[in-house]
Protein backbone atom coordinates (compact mmCIF):
# COMPACT_ATOMS: atom_id res chain seq x y z
CA UNK A 1 -0.13 -0.09 -0.27
CA UNK A 2 1.60 3.32 -0.77
CA UNK A 3 0.93 6.30 1.67
CA UNK A 4 1.60 9.78 -0.05
CA UNK A 5 3.52 12.13 1.59
CA UNK A 6 1.72 15.68 2.64
CA UNK A 7 3.93 18.46 1.32
CA UNK A 8 5.80 20.41 4.13
CA UNK A 9 4.33 23.31 4.90
CA UNK A 10 6.70 24.63 7.10
CA UNK A 11 3.88 24.16 10.02
CA UNK A 12 4.23 21.88 13.26
CA UNK A 13 1.21 19.82 14.61
CA UNK A 14 0.08 22.15 16.92
CA UNK A 15 -2.15 20.50 20.18
CA UNK A 16 -2.98 21.88 23.48
CA UNK A 17 -2.45 18.75 25.50
CA UNK A 18 0.83 17.67 23.62
CA UNK A 19 3.62 16.00 26.09
CA UNK A 20 7.02 18.25 25.00
CA UNK A 21 8.75 14.89 24.58
CA UNK A 22 8.81 12.90 21.60
CA UNK A 23 9.47 8.76 22.64
CA UNK A 24 11.29 6.80 20.52
CA UNK A 25 10.06 3.23 20.03
CA UNK A 26 11.38 -0.14 19.02
CA UNK A 27 9.37 -3.17 17.88
CA UNK A 28 11.09 -6.65 16.79
CA UNK A 29 9.48 -7.96 13.13
CA UNK A 30 10.19 -11.84 13.95
CA UNK A 31 9.13 -14.55 10.71
CA UNK A 32 9.30 -17.84 11.11
CA UNK A 33 8.09 -20.29 9.08
CA UNK A 34 4.73 -17.70 7.86
CA UNK A 35 4.11 -16.37 11.20
CA UNK A 36 4.95 -13.39 13.22
CA UNK A 37 6.35 -13.62 17.23
CA UNK A 38 3.94 -11.81 18.86
CA UNK A 39 2.97 -10.79 22.34
CA UNK A 40 -0.39 -11.63 23.66
CA UNK A 41 -1.98 -9.04 25.82
CA UNK A 42 -5.04 -8.96 27.56
CA UNK A 43 -6.74 -6.09 26.54
CA UNK A 44 -9.70 -6.27 28.82
CA UNK A 45 -13.17 -7.15 29.06
CA UNK A 46 -11.65 -10.59 28.21
CA UNK A 47 -11.24 -9.49 24.96
CA UNK A 48 -7.12 -10.75 23.65
CA UNK A 49 -4.95 -8.47 21.23
CA UNK A 50 -1.40 -8.70 19.87
CA UNK A 51 1.53 -6.74 19.97
CA UNK A 52 5.08 -7.11 18.37
CA UNK A 53 8.13 -7.09 20.80
CA UNK A 54 9.68 -3.85 21.67
CA UNK A 55 9.17 -0.72 23.97
CA UNK A 56 10.62 2.68 24.57
CA UNK A 57 14.50 3.80 23.94
CA UNK A 58 15.76 4.61 27.15
CA UNK A 59 18.07 7.45 27.11
CA UNK A 60 21.77 6.56 26.07
CA UNK A 61 20.71 3.49 24.74
CA UNK A 62 21.15 2.96 20.41
CA UNK A 63 18.21 2.11 19.08
CA UNK A 64 19.43 -1.81 18.34
CA UNK A 65 20.72 -1.84 22.43
CA UNK A 66 16.82 -1.15 23.23
CA UNK A 67 15.39 -3.02 20.67
CA UNK A 68 18.09 -5.96 21.80
CA UNK A 69 17.09 -5.27 25.53
CA UNK A 70 12.92 -5.14 25.19
CA UNK A 71 13.24 -8.86 23.51
CA UNK A 72 14.90 -10.20 26.69
CA UNK A 73 12.85 -8.94 28.82
CA UNK A 74 9.35 -9.72 27.18
CA UNK A 75 10.63 -13.01 24.70
CA UNK A 76 12.99 -13.67 27.06
CA UNK A 77 15.90 -14.41 24.24
CA UNK A 78 18.23 -12.09 22.73
CA UNK A 79 18.17 -11.12 19.38
CA UNK A 80 19.67 -10.19 15.86
CA UNK A 81 18.55 -6.96 14.96
CA UNK A 82 19.15 -7.32 10.90
CA UNK A 83 17.65 -3.96 9.52
CA UNK A 84 15.32 -1.39 9.43
CA UNK A 85 12.31 -1.84 7.69
CA UNK A 86 9.33 0.54 8.82
CA UNK A 87 9.42 4.38 10.51
CA UNK A 88 6.43 5.93 11.53
CA UNK A 89 4.93 8.82 13.22
CA UNK A 90 2.02 8.31 15.55
CA UNK A 91 0.23 10.56 18.77
CA UNK A 92 -1.63 8.41 21.81
CA UNK A 93 -3.71 9.23 23.69
CA UNK A 94 -2.72 9.01 27.11
CA UNK A 95 -5.01 8.03 30.50
CA UNK A 96 -4.22 10.75 32.76
CA UNK A 97 -5.68 13.72 34.03
CA UNK A 98 -5.79 15.92 32.36
CA UNK A 99 -5.90 14.52 29.44
CA UNK A 100 -2.53 14.37 27.27
CA UNK A 101 -1.27 13.04 23.89
CA UNK A 102 2.12 11.66 23.65
CA UNK A 103 4.41 11.85 20.04
CA UNK A 104 6.08 8.64 19.19
CA UNK A 105 8.08 7.43 16.73
CA UNK A 106 8.18 3.91 15.78
CA UNK A 107 11.38 2.11 14.35
CA UNK A 108 10.69 -1.69 12.75
CA UNK A 109 12.86 -3.78 12.36
CA UNK A 110 13.75 -7.52 11.28
CA UNK A 111 15.15 -9.52 13.96
CA UNK A 112 15.90 -13.11 14.12
CA UNK A 113 15.28 -15.29 16.93
CA UNK A 114 17.75 -18.58 17.76
CA UNK A 115 16.55 -21.30 15.95
CA UNK A 116 15.70 -23.47 19.12
CA UNK A 117 13.77 -20.58 20.94
CA UNK A 118 10.24 -21.83 22.01
CA UNK A 119 7.93 -18.74 22.85
CA UNK A 120 7.53 -17.55 26.74
CA UNK A 121 7.46 -14.39 28.35
CA UNK A 122 10.71 -12.89 29.38
CA UNK A 123 11.96 -11.55 32.82
CA UNK A 124 10.11 -8.64 32.35
CA UNK A 125 6.94 -9.42 30.27
CA UNK A 126 4.52 -6.10 29.39
CA UNK A 127 2.07 -5.82 32.70
CA UNK A 128 -0.79 -6.91 30.59
CA UNK A 129 1.30 -9.62 28.70
CA UNK A 130 -0.21 -13.08 28.79
CA UNK A 131 2.36 -15.18 26.22
CA UNK A 132 4.40 -14.99 23.12
CA UNK A 133 3.00 -16.64 20.32
CA UNK A 134 3.56 -17.24 16.48
CA UNK A 135 0.32 -15.77 14.92
CA UNK A 136 0.24 -17.14 10.89
CA UNK A 137 0.27 -13.92 8.54
CA UNK A 138 -2.32 -15.34 6.87
CA UNK A 139 -4.25 -14.28 10.04
CA UNK A 140 -3.41 -10.82 11.09
CA UNK A 141 -6.44 -8.60 9.18
CA UNK A 142 -8.81 -10.87 11.96
CA UNK A 143 -6.13 -9.87 15.23
CA UNK A 144 -6.78 -7.36 17.35
CA UNK A 145 -3.47 -5.45 17.66
CA UNK A 146 -2.63 -3.31 20.74
CA UNK A 147 -1.77 -0.07 19.43
CA UNK A 148 -3.64 1.33 16.39
CA UNK A 149 0.07 1.90 14.75
CA UNK A 150 1.03 -1.33 14.19
CA UNK A 151 -1.50 -2.12 11.36
CA UNK A 152 0.20 0.54 9.14
CA UNK A 153 3.90 -0.54 9.72
CA UNK A 154 3.00 -4.37 8.95
CA UNK A 155 0.88 -3.18 5.89
CA UNK A 156 2.96 -5.43 3.09
CA UNK A 157 5.17 -6.82 5.31
CA UNK A 158 6.71 -9.42 5.76
CA UNK A 159 6.04 -10.32 2.40
CA UNK A 160 7.31 -7.87 0.15
CA UNK A 161 9.42 -5.11 0.26
CA UNK A 162 8.14 -1.67 0.10
CA UNK A 163 10.45 1.13 -1.09
CA UNK A 164 9.70 3.52 1.46
CA UNK A 165 10.96 3.08 4.81
CA UNK A 166 9.28 6.28 6.18
CA UNK A 167 5.60 6.33 6.69
CA UNK A 168 5.12 9.41 7.76
CA UNK A 169 1.83 10.07 10.36
CA UNK A 170 -0.05 7.03 10.62
CA UNK A 171 -2.62 5.72 13.39
């Protein structure tokens, strides 16, 4: 799918409730035998959701170091970070009082896990993480993803290589 880039207007998006700092977030795209490794999450109200392993970059970490750490914490194994495949901006409403919006920059990397890896929670799983599972690529469109920004990042992946790495604003 092609996402046209809006023309540069020299203006920035102004939001009254926008938090002052931009948060970098890294995600691992791990594909094996037609399936993607995902976190199985409790979305509340007996609903389930799925998310790619990863999370926030800490100060002083490179993107690769952040992804390596996040995968150890969430999926319990080291990953080999291979290539950057997507970058996108998104805005996430925070459940705070007063309401606030966070600006995220999502970095999606192709990664691999050891051949003998069996999906399991790592030492510091996400707070709503129930487990780690392989989700067949053919089932992605019927799954609920944690974070609306995830679906556009996966569009066309892993089957095709799109020319554009930067998707612009998503979600």
